[in-house]
Amino acid sequence: MKFKMQDKQNQLIERISDKHLVVGVDIAQQLHVARAVNFRGIVVGDPLTFENNEDGFASLLKWMDKLERLNKLEVAIVGMEPTGHYWINLSKWLFKQGIEVVTVNPHLVKRNKENRDNTQSKSDKKDALVIADMVKNGYYAFVRNTSESFEILRVLMSNRDVVVKRLVSTINQLNRWVDIVFPELRQVFKDITAKGAIATLRLFPSPMELRSLKPDDVVSGWKSIMKRQPGLKKAQLLLQLAKKSVGTRQALEAYKFHLEQLLEEYDLAFSQLERVEQEVKDVLKQIPFAKKLLAIKGISEISLAGILGEAGDLSGFSHGNSLLRHAGLHLAEASSGKWKGQIVISKRGRSRLRRFLYLATMSLVMNNTEFQAIHSHNVKVKKMKKMKSIMKLVGKLARIFVGIARRNESYCADKVHPITELVA
């Protein structure tokens, strides 16, 4: 549906006609609850509780068909909260049956609970009715059905986030282990995750074992597991520091066992991260406009995959501002009378999409000439705060991405901004 942003709410309401059966579904893990109203908000039929399986979905469809016949309605629209992952299977099943599915914001559901009975009471049946009322009033969003490639990206990037979190946690624990057992190791290797540091931890898990070795023994050990290894000077320094280490000498066997498990977890997480990122790069090759977006200097494959995985097919957005709203990066203001509140980012959208749009913009500011010039102009000439300039550039990036995807054209630096004016 094409619309200007200020007309969006009116058009969403106008889509609900007197021929609509408006159904609200309160989502749960095992049992869902459905309520129905007509376009005026009058309750239609009794509540339905159905299971989260094929038989339950079929009973919902039968219930809806019966209500349409009894009330002389012709078309149904089903609204639901995107609660966790429990709503996905139901929404896809209904879509295959040709029934329109929309989602409502859980935050708005909570705020609209008292509209029906002016009480703060809560139940599954009441929640389903509140959702139906919200759909009738136009407070809903469309479920974007995109091709399989975008869903694969979403799953892979979600998996990547979990792997990265595990890897970071393991690295933090390795740093803690070094601080307790062999703090002097940082004088030899500044980064504990450097290949030389990891190899040292594998071969010589405590300073006590290094004290009886010679520099040549240490170098030989490094050579056994590294193609390029530190030299003799580092080996000598390592042995000198090991002899006067202030690290703990108690429970060393327990610490060695802990280190062994940490290194196993590090290897596993690192290997999984490499695999998932390779899968992401392979999937990006299947998306027609991805190559044109990657041609923009400063856009990485991982950042682009994060954006496409959360937003889906960018050519389906009518404007870059629609992408910003999908991410929750549109502006919100609170003011009353003479009092003017601060304008802030709403953050009512996909958090992962916000994160990758921000990271991609920061990368462009560091590596892309056009974005560097605009940021410099904003800060030095327009006297903007740096973060405000960054957020304006996030909006520009969103418009560039949507424009390239919709028109299938290549990135043109001259269209981004008249750079000559900025330099002058």
Protein backbone atom coordinates (compact mmCIF):
# COMPACT_ATOMS: atom_id res chain seq x y z
CA MET A 1 0.00 0.00 0.00
CA LYS A 2 1.46 3.36 -1.04
CA PHE A 3 0.87 6.28 1.30
CA LYS A 4 2.32 9.46 2.62
CA MET A 5 3.37 8.99 6.21
CA GLN A 6 0.82 11.52 7.51
CA ASP A 7 -2.01 9.67 5.75
CA LYS A 8 -0.96 6.20 6.86
CA GLN A 9 -3.32 5.89 9.81
CA ASN A 10 -6.38 6.99 7.81
CA GLN A 11 -5.65 4.52 5.05
CA LEU A 12 -5.15 1.66 7.50
CA ILE A 13 -8.56 2.41 9.01
CA GLU A 14 -10.23 2.75 5.60
CA ARG A 15 -9.05 -0.71 4.61
CA ILE A 16 -11.37 -2.22 7.25
CA SER A 17 -14.78 -2.23 5.55
CA ASP A 18 -18.26 -3.27 6.68
CA LYS A 19 -17.60 -6.64 4.99
CA HIS A 20 -14.65 -7.47 7.27
CA LEU A 21 -14.54 -9.99 10.07
CA VAL A 22 -11.79 -8.65 12.33
CA VAL A 23 -10.15 -11.41 14.40
CA GLY A 24 -7.71 -10.91 17.27
CA VAL A 25 -5.56 -13.82 18.43
CA ASP A 26 -3.76 -13.90 21.77
CA ILE A 27 -0.65 -15.99 21.12
CA ALA A 28 0.78 -18.54 23.56
CA GLN A 29 3.08 -21.57 23.39
CA GLN A 30 0.36 -24.24 23.38
CA LEU A 31 -3.12 -22.68 23.39
CA HIS A 32 -4.17 -19.58 21.43
CA VAL A 33 -7.36 -17.60 22.06
CA ALA A 34 -9.34 -15.85 19.28
CA ARG A 35 -12.04 -13.17 19.47
CA ALA A 36 -13.87 -11.48 16.60
CA VAL A 37 -15.52 -8.08 16.02
CA ASN A 38 -17.06 -6.30 13.03
CA PHE A 39 -15.87 -3.01 11.56
CA ARG A 40 -17.72 -1.06 14.30
CA GLY A 41 -16.12 -3.04 17.14
CA ILE A 42 -19.23 -5.05 18.03
CA VAL A 43 -18.25 -8.48 19.37
CA VAL A 44 -19.15 -11.31 16.98
CA GLY A 45 -19.54 -14.89 18.28
CA ASP A 46 -18.03 -16.58 21.30
CA PRO A 47 -14.30 -16.83 22.11
CA LEU A 48 -12.35 -19.74 20.62
CA THR A 49 -9.46 -21.52 22.31
CA PHE A 50 -7.42 -23.65 19.90
CA GLU A 51 -4.16 -25.60 19.98
CA ASN A 52 -0.92 -24.60 18.30
CA ASN A 53 -1.05 -27.39 15.69
CA GLU A 54 -2.70 -28.28 12.37
CA ASP A 55 -5.97 -29.39 13.96
CA GLY A 56 -6.14 -26.21 16.04
CA PHE A 57 -5.48 -24.01 13.02
CA ALA A 58 -8.20 -25.83 11.07
CA SER A 59 -10.69 -25.23 13.93
CA LEU A 60 -9.86 -21.50 13.79
CA LEU A 61 -10.56 -21.43 10.06
CA LYS A 62 -13.85 -23.30 10.53
CA TRP A 63 -14.85 -20.90 13.33
CA MET A 64 -14.10 -17.87 11.13
CA ASP A 65 -16.08 -19.30 8.17
CA LYS A 66 -19.08 -19.88 10.43
CA LEU A 67 -18.98 -16.31 11.78
CA GLU A 68 -18.72 -14.89 8.26
CA ARG A 69 -21.82 -16.84 7.13
CA LEU A 70 -23.89 -15.96 10.20
CA ASN A 71 -23.07 -12.26 10.02
CA LYS A 72 -23.02 -11.93 6.21
CA LEU A 73 -19.36 -10.92 6.10
CA GLU A 74 -17.11 -11.63 3.14
CA VAL A 75 -13.46 -11.28 4.15
CA ALA A 76 -11.40 -11.84 7.29
CA ILE A 77 -8.33 -10.12 8.67
CA VAL A 78 -6.43 -11.66 11.58
CA GLY A 79 -4.32 -9.62 13.99
CA MET A 80 -1.86 -10.97 16.53
CA GLU A 81 1.05 -9.91 18.72
CA PRO A 82 4.45 -11.03 17.42
CA THR A 83 5.08 -12.82 20.73
CA GLY A 84 8.49 -14.50 20.60
CA HIS A 85 8.43 -17.08 17.82
CA TYR A 86 5.07 -18.69 18.66
CA TRP A 87 3.10 -16.60 16.14
CA ILE A 88 5.19 -17.46 13.08
CA ASN A 89 3.70 -20.87 12.20
CA LEU A 90 0.12 -19.66 12.60
CA SER A 91 0.71 -16.57 10.46
CA LYS A 92 2.31 -18.60 7.67
CA TRP A 93 -0.46 -21.20 7.77
CA LEU A 94 -3.16 -18.50 7.50
CA PHE A 95 -1.25 -16.83 4.67
CA LYS A 96 -1.30 -20.09 2.71
CA GLN A 97 -5.10 -20.19 3.20
CA GLY A 98 -5.36 -16.75 1.58
CA ILE A 99 -6.21 -14.92 4.83
CA GLU A 100 -4.59 -11.57 5.54
CA VAL A 101 -2.48 -11.50 8.69
CA VAL A 102 -1.32 -8.33 10.45
CA THR A 103 0.59 -7.70 13.67
CA VAL A 104 -0.01 -5.25 16.50
CA ASN A 105 2.58 -3.69 18.79
CA PRO A 106 2.65 -5.44 22.21
CA HIS A 107 3.33 -2.09 23.86
CA LEU A 108 0.12 -0.67 22.37
CA VAL A 109 -1.85 -3.74 23.45
CA LYS A 110 -0.80 -3.07 27.02
CA ARG A 111 -1.84 0.58 26.72
CA ASN A 112 -5.23 -0.24 25.20
CA LYS A 113 -6.28 -2.84 27.81
CA GLU A 114 -8.64 -0.47 29.63
CA ASN A 115 -10.50 0.72 26.52
CA ARG A 116 -13.08 -2.10 26.74
CA ASP A 117 -14.02 -2.25 30.40
CA ASN A 118 -12.14 0.62 32.07
CA THR A 119 -10.28 -1.80 34.35
CA GLN A 120 -6.70 -3.00 34.54
CA SER A 121 -7.78 -6.65 34.48
CA LYS A 122 -5.93 -9.02 32.14
CA SER A 123 -6.87 -12.36 30.58
CA ASP A 124 -6.26 -14.17 27.32
CA LYS A 125 -9.83 -13.56 26.16
CA LYS A 126 -9.60 -9.85 26.93
CA ASP A 127 -6.21 -9.55 25.21
CA ALA A 128 -7.60 -11.17 22.05
CA LEU A 129 -10.50 -8.69 22.06
CA VAL A 130 -8.14 -5.74 22.59
CA ILE A 131 -6.07 -6.91 19.61
CA ALA A 132 -9.20 -7.15 17.42
CA ASP A 133 -10.18 -3.61 18.47
CA MET A 134 -6.71 -2.30 17.59
CA VAL A 135 -6.88 -3.84 14.12
CA LYS A 136 -10.33 -2.32 13.62
CA ASN A 137 -8.93 1.09 14.61
CA GLY A 138 -5.99 0.82 12.25
CA TYR A 139 -3.23 0.19 14.80
CA TYR A 140 -1.57 -2.64 12.93
CA ALA A 141 1.34 -3.40 10.64
CA PHE A 142 1.54 -5.70 7.65
CA VAL A 143 3.44 -8.96 7.80
CA ARG A 144 6.14 -8.70 5.16
CA ASN A 145 6.34 -11.96 3.22
CA THR A 146 9.67 -12.03 1.45
CA SER A 147 11.60 -14.65 -0.49
CA GLU A 148 13.44 -17.48 1.19
CA SER A 149 16.86 -15.83 0.82
CA PHE A 150 15.91 -13.03 3.22
CA GLU A 151 14.53 -15.45 5.79
CA ILE A 152 17.73 -17.49 5.56
CA LEU A 153 19.70 -14.31 6.26
CA ARG A 154 17.51 -13.52 9.26
CA VAL A 155 18.05 -17.00 10.73
CA LEU A 156 21.80 -16.95 10.03
CA MET A 157 22.31 -13.49 11.53
CA SER A 158 20.32 -14.46 14.61
CA ASN A 159 22.55 -17.52 14.91
CA ARG A 160 25.62 -15.33 14.44
CA ASP A 161 24.56 -13.08 17.33
CA VAL A 162 24.37 -16.11 19.64
CA VAL A 163 27.79 -17.36 18.51
CA VAL A 164 29.39 -13.91 18.91
CA LYS A 165 27.93 -13.61 22.42
CA ARG A 166 29.45 -16.99 23.34
CA LEU A 167 32.79 -16.05 21.82
CA VAL A 168 32.94 -12.71 23.66
CA SER A 169 32.00 -14.43 26.93
CA THR A 170 34.78 -17.00 26.43
CA ILE A 171 37.35 -14.30 25.67
CA ASN A 172 36.34 -12.41 28.81
CA GLN A 173 36.82 -15.58 30.86
CA LEU A 174 40.22 -16.17 29.24
CA ASN A 175 41.26 -12.65 30.24
CA ARG A 176 40.13 -13.31 33.79
CA TRP A 177 42.07 -16.61 33.85
CA VAL A 178 45.25 -14.87 32.69
CA ASP A 179 44.84 -12.10 35.29
CA ILE A 180 44.71 -14.72 38.05
CA VAL A 181 47.25 -17.33 36.91
CA PHE A 182 49.76 -15.55 34.64
CA PRO A 183 49.19 -11.75 34.52
CA GLU A 184 52.68 -11.13 33.12
CA LEU A 185 51.64 -12.82 29.85
CA ARG A 186 50.22 -9.44 28.75
CA GLN A 187 53.74 -8.00 28.68
CA VAL A 188 54.60 -10.52 25.95
CA PHE A 189 51.30 -10.51 24.06
CA LYS A 190 49.12 -7.39 24.33
CA ASP A 191 46.09 -9.25 22.99
CA ILE A 192 45.21 -12.51 24.74
CA THR A 193 43.41 -13.74 21.58
CA ALA A 194 46.51 -13.30 19.41
CA LYS A 195 47.72 -16.56 17.87
CA GLY A 196 50.94 -16.51 19.88
CA ALA A 197 49.09 -15.99 23.17
CA ILE A 198 46.58 -18.76 22.44
CA ALA A 199 49.40 -21.11 21.42
CA THR A 200 51.27 -20.33 24.65
CA LEU A 201 48.18 -21.08 26.74
CA ARG A 202 47.71 -24.39 24.92
CA LEU A 203 51.33 -25.52 25.32
CA PHE A 204 52.29 -24.02 28.69
CA PRO A 205 49.13 -23.57 30.76
CA SER A 206 50.91 -22.14 33.81
CA PRO A 207 54.15 -20.21 34.63
CA MET A 208 55.36 -23.15 36.74
CA GLU A 209 55.79 -25.27 33.60
CA LEU A 210 57.76 -22.54 31.81
CA ARG A 211 60.36 -22.19 34.55
CA SER A 212 62.05 -25.49 33.70
CA LEU A 213 62.23 -24.79 29.94
CA LYS A 214 64.80 -23.13 27.70
CA PRO A 215 64.01 -20.50 25.02
CA ASP A 216 64.62 -23.05 22.23
CA ASP A 217 62.06 -25.39 23.81
CA VAL A 218 59.44 -22.64 23.79
CA VAL A 219 60.16 -21.73 20.15
CA SER A 220 59.99 -25.40 19.15
CA GLY A 221 56.61 -25.68 20.85
CA TRP A 222 55.30 -22.64 18.97
CA LYS A 223 56.60 -24.08 15.69
CA SER A 224 54.66 -27.30 16.27
CA ILE A 225 51.28 -25.55 16.07
CA MET A 226 51.99 -22.25 14.25
CA LYS A 227 53.21 -21.54 10.72
CA ARG A 228 54.52 -18.13 11.75
CA GLN A 229 55.64 -17.91 15.35
CA PRO A 230 57.24 -15.37 17.73
CA GLY A 231 61.02 -15.31 17.83
CA LEU A 232 63.67 -16.18 20.38
CA LYS A 233 63.54 -12.78 22.09
CA LYS A 234 59.88 -13.20 22.99
CA ALA A 235 60.59 -16.70 24.27
CA GLN A 236 63.36 -15.34 26.52
CA LEU A 237 61.09 -12.57 27.81
CA LEU A 238 58.32 -15.10 28.47
CA LEU A 239 60.65 -17.28 30.56
CA GLN A 240 61.99 -14.32 32.52
CA LEU A 241 58.48 -13.18 33.41
CA ALA A 242 57.37 -16.73 34.29
CA LYS A 243 60.17 -17.02 36.86
CA LYS A 244 58.94 -13.97 38.78
CA SER A 245 55.22 -14.34 38.13
CA VAL A 246 52.88 -13.22 40.90
CA GLY A 247 50.07 -15.44 39.64
CA THR A 248 48.36 -17.84 42.00
CA ARG A 249 50.02 -21.20 42.75
CA GLN A 250 47.06 -22.79 44.45
CA ALA A 251 44.54 -25.09 42.73
CA LEU A 252 46.65 -25.07 39.56
CA GLU A 253 45.22 -28.36 38.33
CA ALA A 254 41.71 -26.94 38.58
CA TYR A 255 42.80 -23.81 36.74
CA LYS A 256 44.42 -25.92 34.00
CA PHE A 257 41.22 -27.92 33.61
CA HIS A 258 39.23 -24.67 33.37
CA LEU A 259 41.64 -23.31 30.75
CA GLU A 260 41.35 -26.49 28.69
CA GLN A 261 37.57 -26.12 28.55
CA LEU A 262 37.78 -22.42 27.77
CA LEU A 263 40.09 -23.10 24.82
CA GLU A 264 37.73 -25.82 23.56
CA GLU A 265 34.81 -23.36 23.74
CA TYR A 266 36.92 -20.67 22.04
CA ASP A 267 37.85 -23.00 19.17
CA LEU A 268 34.24 -24.12 18.72
CA ALA A 269 32.78 -20.61 18.76
CA PHE A 270 35.48 -19.27 16.44
CA SER A 271 34.93 -22.13 13.98
CA GLN A 272 31.15 -21.67 14.08
CA LEU A 273 31.50 -17.93 13.49
CA GLU A 274 33.62 -18.53 10.39
CA ARG A 275 31.10 -21.06 9.06
CA VAL A 276 28.03 -18.90 9.62
CA GLU A 277 29.69 -15.85 8.05
CA GLN A 278 30.63 -17.91 4.99
CA GLU A 279 27.00 -19.06 4.71
CA VAL A 280 25.87 -15.43 4.92
CA LYS A 281 28.21 -14.41 2.11
CA ASP A 282 26.93 -17.26 -0.09
CA VAL A 283 23.29 -16.23 0.46
CA LEU A 284 24.03 -12.57 -0.36
CA LYS A 285 25.18 -13.66 -3.82
CA GLN A 286 21.62 -14.88 -4.52
CA ILE A 287 20.04 -11.44 -3.91
CA PRO A 288 20.04 -9.36 -7.14
CA PHE A 289 20.62 -5.88 -5.70
CA ALA A 290 23.05 -6.95 -2.94
CA LYS A 291 26.06 -6.64 -5.25
CA LYS A 292 25.16 -3.01 -6.00
CA LEU A 293 24.85 -2.23 -2.29
CA LEU A 294 28.18 -3.90 -1.53
CA ALA A 295 29.79 -1.69 -4.18
CA ILE A 296 29.35 1.25 -1.79
CA LYS A 297 32.73 1.74 -0.13
CA GLY A 298 32.36 1.06 3.59
CA ILE A 299 29.46 -1.40 3.42
CA SER A 300 30.49 -4.83 4.69
CA GLU A 301 28.80 -8.12 3.89
CA ILE A 302 27.90 -8.74 7.54
CA SER A 303 26.30 -5.30 8.02
CA LEU A 304 24.32 -5.67 4.81
CA ALA A 305 23.20 -9.17 5.79
CA GLY A 306 22.01 -7.86 9.15
CA ILE A 307 19.96 -5.14 7.45
CA LEU A 308 18.44 -7.41 4.79
CA GLY A 309 17.77 -10.20 7.27
CA GLU A 310 15.66 -7.90 9.46
CA ALA A 311 14.11 -5.67 6.79
CA GLY A 312 13.60 -8.25 4.04
CA ASP A 313 13.34 -7.14 0.42
CA LEU A 314 14.16 -3.43 0.44
CA SER A 315 12.38 -2.93 -2.89
CA GLY A 316 9.12 -3.50 -1.01
CA PHE A 317 9.53 -0.25 0.93
CA SER A 318 7.93 2.82 -0.62
CA HIS A 319 10.55 5.18 0.83
CA GLY A 320 13.63 5.17 3.03
CA ASN A 321 11.54 6.68 5.84
CA SER A 322 9.44 3.51 5.84
CA LEU A 323 12.61 1.52 6.52
CA LEU A 324 13.48 3.88 9.38
CA ARG A 325 10.02 3.42 10.89
CA HIS A 326 10.37 -0.36 10.53
CA ALA A 327 13.60 -0.08 12.54
CA GLY A 328 12.11 2.27 15.13
CA LEU A 329 14.39 5.13 14.07
CA HIS A 330 11.63 7.66 13.44
CA LEU A 331 11.35 10.64 15.75
CA ALA A 332 8.93 11.00 18.67
CA GLU A 333 8.08 14.23 20.48
CA ALA A 334 6.31 14.95 23.77
CA SER A 335 4.99 18.52 24.14
CA SER A 336 1.99 20.24 25.68
CA GLY A 337 0.99 23.91 25.49
CA LYS A 338 4.04 26.08 26.05
CA TRP A 339 6.09 23.12 27.20
CA LYS A 340 8.22 21.54 24.48
CA GLY A 341 9.64 18.16 25.26
CA GLN A 342 12.77 16.66 23.81
CA ILE A 343 12.55 14.97 20.40
CA VAL A 344 13.89 11.45 20.71
CA ILE A 345 14.15 8.28 18.62
CA SER A 346 11.08 6.14 19.19
CA LYS A 347 12.90 2.75 19.26
CA ARG A 348 9.56 1.08 18.43
CA GLY A 349 10.85 -1.35 15.86
CA ARG A 350 13.46 -4.01 15.17
CA SER A 351 16.46 -3.53 17.46
CA ARG A 352 18.83 -5.64 15.34
CA LEU A 353 17.94 -3.56 12.26
CA ARG A 354 18.70 -0.37 14.20
CA ARG A 355 22.04 -1.77 15.28
CA PHE A 356 23.19 -2.76 11.81
CA LEU A 357 22.01 0.51 10.22
CA TYR A 358 24.02 2.38 12.84
CA LEU A 359 27.11 0.19 12.40
CA ALA A 360 26.92 0.50 8.61
CA THR A 361 26.67 4.30 8.90
CA MET A 362 29.66 4.47 11.26
CA SER A 363 31.66 2.38 8.80
CA LEU A 364 30.70 4.77 5.98
CA VAL A 365 31.73 7.81 8.02
CA MET A 366 35.14 6.20 8.53
CA ASN A 367 35.68 4.83 5.02
CA ASN A 368 33.39 6.56 2.50
CA THR A 369 34.50 9.92 1.09
CA GLU A 370 30.97 11.24 0.50
CA PHE A 371 29.70 10.40 3.96
CA GLN A 372 32.88 11.75 5.55
CA ALA A 373 32.34 15.07 3.76
CA ILE A 374 28.68 15.31 4.80
CA HIS A 375 29.49 14.45 8.42
CA SER A 376 32.29 17.02 8.50
CA HIS A 377 29.97 19.65 7.00
CA ASN A 378 27.26 18.88 9.56
CA VAL A 379 29.64 19.15 12.50
CA LYS A 380 31.87 22.04 11.44
CA VAL A 381 29.53 24.22 9.37
CA LYS A 382 26.04 23.44 10.69
CA LYS A 383 27.42 23.03 14.24
CA MET A 384 25.51 19.77 14.81
CA LYS A 385 26.44 17.42 17.57
CA LYS A 386 28.29 14.42 16.20
CA MET A 387 25.60 11.91 17.19
CA LYS A 388 22.84 14.02 15.61
CA SER A 389 24.85 14.09 12.38
CA ILE A 390 25.28 10.31 12.52
CA MET A 391 21.52 9.80 12.92
CA LYS A 392 20.81 12.06 9.95
CA LEU A 393 23.26 9.98 7.93
CA VAL A 394 21.44 6.81 9.02
CA GLY A 395 18.35 8.29 7.33
CA LYS A 396 20.34 9.10 4.20
CA LEU A 397 21.71 5.56 4.09
CA ALA A 398 18.18 4.14 4.41
CA ARG A 399 16.99 6.27 1.47
CA ILE A 400 20.00 5.26 -0.63
CA PHE A 401 19.45 1.56 0.08
CA VAL A 402 15.73 1.66 -0.73
CA GLY A 403 16.34 3.75 -3.86
CA ILE A 404 18.97 1.35 -5.21
CA ALA A 405 16.81 -1.69 -4.45
CA ARG A 406 13.63 -0.23 -5.98
CA ARG A 407 15.23 1.17 -9.15
CA ASN A 408 17.96 -1.48 -9.46
CA GLU A 409 20.56 1.18 -10.17
CA SER A 410 24.18 1.45 -9.11
CA TYR A 411 25.49 3.72 -6.37
CA CYS A 412 26.34 7.20 -7.69
CA ALA A 413 28.53 9.34 -5.45
CA ASP A 414 27.44 12.58 -7.16
CA LYS A 415 23.81 11.96 -6.17
CA VAL A 416 24.64 11.57 -2.49
CA HIS A 417 25.56 15.22 -2.02
CA PRO A 418 27.17 17.97 -4.08
CA ILE A 419 30.61 17.28 -2.66
CA THR A 420 32.14 20.32 -4.33
CA GLU A 421 29.92 22.60 -2.25
CA LEU A 422 30.98 20.88 0.95
CA VAL A 423 34.67 21.19 0.14
CA ALA A 424 34.27 24.84 -0.83
